[in-house]
PDB file of N, CA and C in Angstrom:
ATOM      1  N   MET A   1      -8.002 -21.259 -41.130  1.00  0.00           N
ATOM      2  CA  MET A   1      -7.924 -22.690 -40.956  1.00  0.00           C
ATOM      3  C   MET A   1      -6.486 -23.128 -41.217  1.00  0.00           C
ATOM      4  N   LEU A   2      -5.964 -23.883 -40.303  1.00  0.00           N
ATOM      5  CA  LEU A   2      -4.610 -24.402 -40.446  1.00  0.00           C
ATOM      6  C   LEU A   2      -4.624 -25.724 -41.203  1.00  0.00           C
ATOM      7  N   ASP A   3      -3.562 -25.959 -41.940  1.00  0.00           N
ATOM      8  CA  ASP A   3      -3.392 -27.243 -42.605  1.00  0.00           C
ATOM      9  C   ASP A   3      -3.182 -28.333 -41.571  1.00  0.00           C
ATOM     10  N   ASP A   4      -3.568 -29.545 -41.903  1.00  0.00           N
ATOM     11  CA  ASP A   4      -3.289 -30.675 -41.023  1.00  0.00           C
ATOM     12  C   ASP A   4      -1.786 -30.759 -40.798  1.00  0.00           C
ATOM     13  N   GLY A   5      -1.402 -31.055 -39.564  1.00  0.00           N
ATOM     14  CA  GLY A   5       0.004 -31.158 -39.230  1.00  0.00           C
ATOM     15  C   GLY A   5       0.219 -30.950 -37.752  1.00  0.00           C
ATOM     16  N   THR A   6       1.472 -30.850 -37.371  1.00  0.00           N
ATOM     17  CA  THR A   6       1.870 -30.661 -35.983  1.00  0.00           C
ATOM     18  C   THR A   6       2.539 -29.305 -35.852  1.00  0.00           C
ATOM     19  N   TYR A   7       2.139 -28.555 -34.827  1.00  0.00           N
ATOM     20  CA  TYR A   7       2.623 -27.200 -34.629  1.00  0.00           C
ATOM     21  C   TYR A   7       3.138 -27.036 -33.201  1.00  0.00           C
ATOM     22  N   ASP A   8       4.334 -26.469 -33.056  1.00  0.00           N
ATOM     23  CA  ASP A   8       4.826 -26.071 -31.743  1.00  0.00           C
ATOM     24  C   ASP A   8       4.163 -24.744 -31.417  1.00  0.00           C
ATOM     25  N   VAL A   9       3.587 -24.651 -30.202  1.00  0.00           N
ATOM     26  CA  VAL A   9       2.833 -23.466 -29.826  1.00  0.00           C
ATOM     27  C   VAL A   9       3.230 -22.987 -28.437  1.00  0.00           C
ATOM     28  N   LEU A  10       2.830 -21.762 -28.134  1.00  0.00           N
ATOM     29  CA  LEU A  10       3.056 -21.162 -26.829  1.00  0.00           C
ATOM     30  C   LEU A  10       1.783 -20.431 -26.438  1.00  0.00           C
ATOM     31  N   VAL A  11       1.308 -20.621 -25.210  1.00  0.00           N
ATOM     32  CA  VAL A  11       0.094 -19.953 -24.737  1.00  0.00           C
ATOM     33  C   VAL A  11       0.402 -18.485 -24.475  1.00  0.00           C
ATOM     34  N   VAL A  12      -0.347 -17.607 -25.125  1.00  0.00           N
ATOM     35  CA  VAL A  12      -0.165 -16.168 -24.925  1.00  0.00           C
ATOM     36  C   VAL A  12      -1.314 -15.550 -24.138  1.00  0.00           C
ATOM     37  N   ASP A  13      -2.434 -16.270 -24.006  1.00  0.00           N
ATOM     38  CA  ASP A  13      -3.550 -15.796 -23.196  1.00  0.00           C
ATOM     39  C   ASP A  13      -4.414 -16.997 -22.843  1.00  0.00           C
ATOM     40  N   ALA A  14      -5.059 -16.929 -21.686  1.00  0.00           N
ATOM     41  CA  ALA A  14      -5.952 -18.002 -21.253  1.00  0.00           C
ATOM     42  C   ALA A  14      -6.969 -17.438 -20.273  1.00  0.00           C
ATOM     43  N   GLU A  15      -8.204 -17.908 -20.390  1.00  0.00           N
ATOM     44  CA  GLU A  15      -9.237 -17.482 -19.449  1.00  0.00           C
ATOM     45  C   GLU A  15     -10.262 -18.582 -19.268  1.00  0.00           C
ATOM     46  N   ALA A  16     -10.777 -18.677 -18.043  1.00  0.00           N
ATOM     47  CA  ALA A  16     -11.819 -19.649 -17.750  1.00  0.00           C
ATOM     48  C   ALA A  16     -13.132 -19.168 -18.364  1.00  0.00           C
ATOM     49  N   LEU A  17     -13.929 -20.120 -18.846  1.00  0.00           N
ATOM     50  CA  LEU A  17     -15.244 -19.823 -19.405  1.00  0.00           C
ATOM     51  C   LEU A  17     -16.323 -20.436 -18.523  1.00  0.00           C
ATOM     52  N   ASP A  18     -17.500 -19.846 -18.558  1.00  0.00           N
ATOM     53  CA  ASP A  18     -18.628 -20.389 -17.788  1.00  0.00           C
ATOM     54  C   ASP A  18     -19.227 -21.627 -18.449  1.00  0.00           C
ATOM     55  N   GLN A  19     -19.229 -21.634 -19.773  1.00  0.00           N
ATOM     56  CA  GLN A  19     -19.842 -22.727 -20.522  1.00  0.00           C
ATOM     57  C   GLN A  19     -18.896 -23.204 -21.608  1.00  0.00           C
ATOM     58  N   PRO A  20     -18.718 -24.451 -21.820  1.00  0.00           N
ATOM     59  CA  PRO A  20     -19.176 -25.517 -20.937  1.00  0.00           C
ATOM     60  C   PRO A  20     -18.398 -25.491 -19.618  1.00  0.00           C
ATOM     61  N   PRO A  21     -18.938 -26.107 -18.573  1.00  0.00           N
ATOM     62  CA  PRO A  21     -18.246 -26.103 -17.271  1.00  0.00           C
ATOM     63  C   PRO A  21     -16.814 -26.628 -17.393  1.00  0.00           C
ATOM     64  N   GLY A  22     -15.877 -25.927 -16.788  1.00  0.00           N
ATOM     65  CA  GLY A  22     -14.475 -26.343 -16.804  1.00  0.00           C
ATOM     66  C   GLY A  22     -13.723 -25.970 -18.063  1.00  0.00           C
ATOM     67  N   ALA A  23     -14.359 -25.250 -18.974  1.00  0.00           N
ATOM     68  CA  ALA A  23     -13.715 -24.891 -20.235  1.00  0.00           C
ATOM     69  C   ALA A  23     -12.740 -23.733 -20.041  1.00  0.00           C
ATOM     70  N   ILE A  24     -11.698 -23.751 -20.829  1.00  0.00           N
ATOM     71  CA  ILE A  24     -10.697 -22.674 -20.843  1.00  0.00           C
ATOM     72  C   ILE A  24     -10.479 -22.263 -22.291  1.00  0.00           C
ATOM     73  N   ARG A  25     -10.525 -20.957 -22.535  1.00  0.00           N
ATOM     74  CA  ARG A  25     -10.182 -20.443 -23.862  1.00  0.00           C
ATOM     75  C   ARG A  25      -8.710 -20.086 -23.827  1.00  0.00           C
ATOM     76  N   VAL A  26      -7.943 -20.636 -24.749  1.00  0.00           N
ATOM     77  CA  VAL A  26      -6.518 -20.333 -24.832  1.00  0.00           C
ATOM     78  C   VAL A  26      -6.215 -19.708 -26.185  1.00  0.00           C
ATOM     79  N   GLU A  27      -5.308 -18.762 -26.182  1.00  0.00           N
ATOM     80  CA  GLU A  27      -4.768 -18.220 -27.421  1.00  0.00           C
ATOM     81  C   GLU A  27      -3.338 -18.695 -27.523  1.00  0.00           C
ATOM     82  N   LEU A  28      -3.016 -19.273 -28.663  1.00  0.00           N
ATOM     83  CA  LEU A  28      -1.709 -19.886 -28.897  1.00  0.00           C
ATOM     84  C   LEU A  28      -1.024 -19.186 -30.055  1.00  0.00           C
ATOM     85  N   THR A  29       0.263 -18.938 -29.915  1.00  0.00           N
ATOM     86  CA  THR A  29       1.031 -18.466 -31.055  1.00  0.00           C
ATOM     87  C   THR A  29       1.843 -19.634 -31.586  1.00  0.00           C
ATOM     88  N   ILE A  30       1.911 -19.720 -32.891  1.00  0.00           N
ATOM     89  CA  ILE A  30       2.663 -20.783 -33.547  1.00  0.00           C
ATOM     90  C   ILE A  30       4.120 -20.348 -33.634  1.00  0.00           C
ATOM     91  N   LEU A  31       5.039 -21.238 -33.262  1.00  0.00           N
ATOM     92  CA  LEU A  31       6.443 -20.879 -33.083  1.00  0.00           C
ATOM     93  C   LEU A  31       7.346 -21.114 -34.287  1.00  0.00           C
ATOM     94  N   ALA A  32       6.917 -21.892 -35.273  1.00  0.00           N
ATOM     95  CA  ALA A  32       7.805 -22.197 -36.402  1.00  0.00           C
ATOM     96  C   ALA A  32       6.994 -22.522 -37.647  1.00  0.00           C
ATOM     97  N   GLY A  33       7.683 -22.547 -38.763  1.00  0.00           N
ATOM     98  CA  GLY A  33       7.059 -22.937 -40.023  1.00  0.00           C
ATOM     99  C   GLY A  33       6.362 -21.784 -40.713  1.00  0.00           C
ATOM    100  N   PRO A  34       5.636 -22.077 -41.776  1.00  0.00           N
ATOM    101  CA  PRO A  34       4.987 -21.035 -42.572  1.00  0.00           C
ATOM    102  C   PRO A  34       3.949 -20.233 -41.797  1.00  0.00           C
ATOM    103  N   SER A  35       3.389 -20.805 -40.729  1.00  0.00           N
ATOM    104  CA  SER A  35       2.381 -20.111 -39.928  1.00  0.00           C
ATOM    105  C   SER A  35       2.977 -19.431 -38.699  1.00  0.00           C
ATOM    106  N   LYS A  36       4.315 -19.367 -38.635  1.00  0.00           N
ATOM    107  CA  LYS A  36       4.993 -18.772 -37.488  1.00  0.00           C
ATOM    108  C   LYS A  36       4.417 -17.390 -37.197  1.00  0.00           C
ATOM    109  N   GLY A  37       4.083 -17.157 -35.921  1.00  0.00           N
ATOM    110  CA  GLY A  37       3.549 -15.872 -35.489  1.00  0.00           C
ATOM    111  C   GLY A  37       2.041 -15.784 -35.534  1.00  0.00           C
ATOM    112  N   ASP A  38       1.382 -16.699 -36.229  1.00  0.00           N
ATOM    113  CA  ASP A  38      -0.076 -16.706 -36.250  1.00  0.00           C
ATOM    114  C   ASP A  38      -0.595 -17.026 -34.856  1.00  0.00           C
ATOM    115  N   VAL A  39      -1.736 -16.440 -34.518  1.00  0.00           N
ATOM    116  CA  VAL A  39      -2.375 -16.701 -33.231  1.00  0.00           C
ATOM    117  C   VAL A  39      -3.666 -17.458 -33.488  1.00  0.00           C
ATOM    118  N   VAL A  40      -3.854 -18.537 -32.733  1.00  0.00           N
ATOM    119  CA  VAL A  40      -5.018 -19.401 -32.858  1.00  0.00           C
ATOM    120  C   VAL A  40      -5.723 -19.435 -31.509  1.00  0.00           C
ATOM    121  N   ALA A  41      -7.032 -19.263 -31.513  1.00  0.00           N
ATOM    122  CA  ALA A  41      -7.822 -19.352 -30.276  1.00  0.00           C
ATOM    123  C   ALA A  41      -8.563 -20.685 -30.262  1.00  0.00           C
ATOM    124  N   LEU A  42      -8.478 -21.379 -29.130  1.00  0.00           N
ATOM    125  CA  LEU A  42      -9.169 -22.662 -28.950  1.00  0.00           C
ATOM    126  C   LEU A  42      -9.913 -22.652 -27.626  1.00  0.00           C
ATOM    127  N   THR A  43     -11.010 -23.368 -27.583  1.00  0.00           N
ATOM    128  CA  THR A  43     -11.682 -23.640 -26.318  1.00  0.00           C
ATOM    129  C   THR A  43     -11.427 -25.099 -26.003  1.00  0.00           C
ATOM    130  N   THR A  44     -10.936 -25.348 -24.802  1.00  0.00           N
ATOM    131  CA  THR A  44     -10.560 -26.701 -24.433  1.00  0.00           C
ATOM    132  C   THR A  44     -11.181 -27.069 -23.090  1.00  0.00           C
ATOM    133  N   THR A  45     -11.400 -28.336 -22.878  1.00  0.00           N
ATOM    134  CA  THR A  45     -11.912 -28.839 -21.600  1.00  0.00           C
ATOM    135  C   THR A  45     -10.994 -29.949 -21.121  1.00  0.00           C
ATOM    136  N   GLY A  46     -11.151 -30.316 -19.867  1.00  0.00           N
ATOM    137  CA  GLY A  46     -10.366 -31.427 -19.331  1.00  0.00           C
ATOM    138  C   GLY A  46      -8.981 -31.039 -18.849  1.00  0.00           C
ATOM    139  N   ILE A  47      -8.707 -29.729 -18.787  1.00  0.00           N
ATOM    140  CA  ILE A  47      -7.419 -29.275 -18.253  1.00  0.00           C
ATOM    141  C   ILE A  47      -7.666 -28.825 -16.823  1.00  0.00           C
ATOM    142  N   ASP A  48      -7.137 -29.544 -15.887  1.00  0.00           N
ATOM    143  CA  ASP A  48      -7.369 -29.238 -14.477  1.00  0.00           C
ATOM    144  C   ASP A  48      -6.276 -28.310 -13.966  1.00  0.00           C
ATOM    145  N   ARG A  49      -6.207 -27.093 -14.573  1.00  0.00           N
ATOM    146  CA  ARG A  49      -5.187 -26.121 -14.185  1.00  0.00           C
ATOM    147  C   ARG A  49      -5.801 -24.731 -14.195  1.00  0.00           C
ATOM    148  N   ASP A  50      -5.240 -23.863 -13.395  1.00  0.00           N
ATOM    149  CA  ASP A  50      -5.656 -22.465 -13.393  1.00  0.00           C
ATOM    150  C   ASP A  50      -5.221 -21.844 -14.716  1.00  0.00           C
ATOM    151  N   PRO A  51      -6.103 -21.076 -15.370  1.00  0.00           N
ATOM    152  CA  PRO A  51      -5.718 -20.462 -16.644  1.00  0.00           C
ATOM    153  C   PRO A  51      -4.444 -19.617 -16.556  1.00  0.00           C
ATOM    154  N   LEU A  52      -4.236 -18.931 -15.449  1.00  0.00           N
ATOM    155  CA  LEU A  52      -3.020 -18.115 -15.310  1.00  0.00           C
ATOM    156  C   LEU A  52      -1.760 -18.974 -15.321  1.00  0.00           C
ATOM    157  N   ASP A  53      -1.860 -20.193 -14.839  1.00  0.00           N
ATOM    158  CA  ASP A  53      -0.704 -21.099 -14.850  1.00  0.00           C
ATOM    159  C   ASP A  53      -0.338 -21.555 -16.263  1.00  0.00           C
ATOM    160  N   LEU A  54      -1.257 -21.373 -17.208  1.00  0.00           N
ATOM    161  CA  LEU A  54      -1.001 -21.792 -18.587  1.00  0.00           C
ATOM    162  C   LEU A  54      -0.230 -20.746 -19.390  1.00  0.00           C
ATOM    163  N   LEU A  55      -0.178 -19.518 -18.904  1.00  0.00           N
ATOM    164  CA  LEU A  55       0.517 -18.467 -19.652  1.00  0.00           C
ATOM    165  C   LEU A  55       1.974 -18.828 -19.869  1.00  0.00           C
ATOM    166  N   ALA A  56       2.429 -18.686 -21.088  1.00  0.00           N
ATOM    167  CA  ALA A  56       3.797 -18.985 -21.523  1.00  0.00           C
ATOM    168  C   ALA A  56       4.111 -20.485 -21.499  1.00  0.00           C
ATOM    169  N   GLU A  57       3.077 -21.318 -21.398  1.00  0.00           N
ATOM    170  CA  GLU A  57       3.265 -22.774 -21.404  1.00  0.00           C
ATOM    171  C   GLU A  57       3.483 -23.252 -22.846  1.00  0.00           C
ATOM    172  N   PRO A  58       4.564 -23.973 -23.108  1.00  0.00           N
ATOM    173  CA  PRO A  58       4.760 -24.526 -24.450  1.00  0.00           C
ATOM    174  C   PRO A  58       3.911 -25.773 -24.642  1.00  0.00           C
ATOM    175  N   GLY A  59       3.572 -26.038 -25.872  1.00  0.00           N
ATOM    176  CA  GLY A  59       2.784 -27.224 -26.158  1.00  0.00           C
ATOM    177  C   GLY A  59       2.872 -27.606 -27.618  1.00  0.00           C
ATOM    178  N   THR A  60       2.092 -28.600 -27.958  1.00  0.00           N
ATOM    179  CA  THR A  60       2.008 -29.084 -29.332  1.00  0.00           C
ATOM    180  C   THR A  60       0.542 -29.136 -29.719  1.00  0.00           C
ATOM    181  N   MET A  61       0.245 -28.544 -30.864  1.00  0.00           N
ATOM    182  CA  MET A  61      -1.105 -28.620 -31.404  1.00  0.00           C
ATOM    183  C   MET A  61      -1.039 -29.482 -32.662  1.00  0.00           C
ATOM    184  N   THR A  62      -1.839 -30.541 -32.673  1.00  0.00           N
ATOM    185  CA  THR A  62      -1.927 -31.415 -33.831  1.00  0.00           C
ATOM    186  C   THR A  62      -3.279 -31.175 -34.484  1.00  0.00           C
ATOM    187  N   VAL A  63      -3.265 -30.896 -35.773  1.00  0.00           N
ATOM    188  CA  VAL A  63      -4.502 -30.685 -36.523  1.00  0.00           C
ATOM    189  C   VAL A  63      -4.686 -31.878 -37.458  1.00  0.00           C
ATOM    190  N   THR A  64      -5.833 -32.559 -37.310  1.00  0.00           N
ATOM    191  CA  THR A  64      -6.178 -33.702 -38.141  1.00  0.00           C
ATOM    192  C   THR A  64      -7.590 -33.498 -38.682  1.00  0.00           C
ATOM    193  N   ASP A  65      -7.730 -33.530 -39.979  1.00  0.00           N
ATOM    194  CA  ASP A  65      -9.024 -33.291 -40.631  1.00  0.00           C
ATOM    195  C   ASP A  65      -9.632 -31.974 -40.164  1.00  0.00           C
ATOM    196  N   GLY A  66      -8.771 -30.980 -39.946  1.00  0.00           N
ATOM    197  CA  GLY A  66      -9.221 -29.652 -39.543  1.00  0.00           C
ATOM    198  C   GLY A  66      -9.541 -29.505 -38.080  1.00  0.00           C
ATOM    199  N   GLN A  67      -9.399 -30.566 -37.286  1.00  0.00           N
ATOM    200  CA  GLN A  67      -9.713 -30.533 -35.862  1.00  0.00           C
ATOM    201  C   GLN A  67      -8.424 -30.479 -35.041  1.00  0.00           C
ATOM    202  N   PRO A  68      -8.283 -29.430 -34.199  1.00  0.00           N
ATOM    203  CA  PRO A  68      -7.063 -29.310 -33.399  1.00  0.00           C
ATOM    204  C   PRO A  68      -7.121 -30.148 -32.127  1.00  0.00           C
ATOM    205  N   HIS A  69      -5.972 -30.608 -31.709  1.00  0.00           N
ATOM    206  CA  HIS A  69      -5.799 -31.293 -30.430  1.00  0.00           C
ATOM    207  C   HIS A  69      -4.566 -30.712 -29.774  1.00  0.00           C
ATOM    208  N   LEU A  70      -4.698 -30.238 -28.540  1.00  0.00           N
ATOM    209  CA  LEU A  70      -3.630 -29.545 -27.832  1.00  0.00           C
ATOM    210  C   LEU A  70      -3.103 -30.402 -26.695  1.00  0.00           C
ATOM    211  N   THR A  71      -1.773 -30.516 -26.623  1.00  0.00           N
ATOM    212  CA  THR A  71      -1.119 -31.142 -25.481  1.00  0.00           C
ATOM    213  C   THR A  71      -0.031 -30.198 -24.993  1.00  0.00           C
ATOM    214  N   PHE A  72       0.197 -30.200 -23.694  1.00  0.00           N
ATOM    215  CA  PHE A  72       1.218 -29.355 -23.105  1.00  0.00           C
ATOM    216  C   PHE A  72       2.458 -30.180 -22.813  1.00  0.00           C
ATOM    217  N   ASP A  73       3.605 -29.512 -22.880  1.00  0.00           N
ATOM    218  CA  ASP A  73       4.882 -30.201 -22.675  1.00  0.00           C
ATOM    219  C   ASP A  73       5.080 -30.653 -21.243  1.00  0.00           C
ATOM    220  N   SER A  74       4.424 -29.967 -20.298  1.00  0.00           N
ATOM    221  CA  SER A  74       4.595 -30.384 -18.889  1.00  0.00           C
ATOM    222  C   SER A  74       3.296 -30.768 -18.260  1.00  0.00           C
TER     223      SER A  74
END
């Protein structure tokens, strides 16, 4: 479990899932701070992109009350 805060991340793996419909599992590596190098796996929905296009995509993960929220830089 990550502490609440903001983390710069990079997608190192992504794959489409059958359930829920439109879901993508992404693995993110944290780029800085005490958790640098840690890998976090998330399942996300509402991203209308091919999972392969997400590889090496930089983003920001914000954790609030233990719940992550992922946004991509582009």
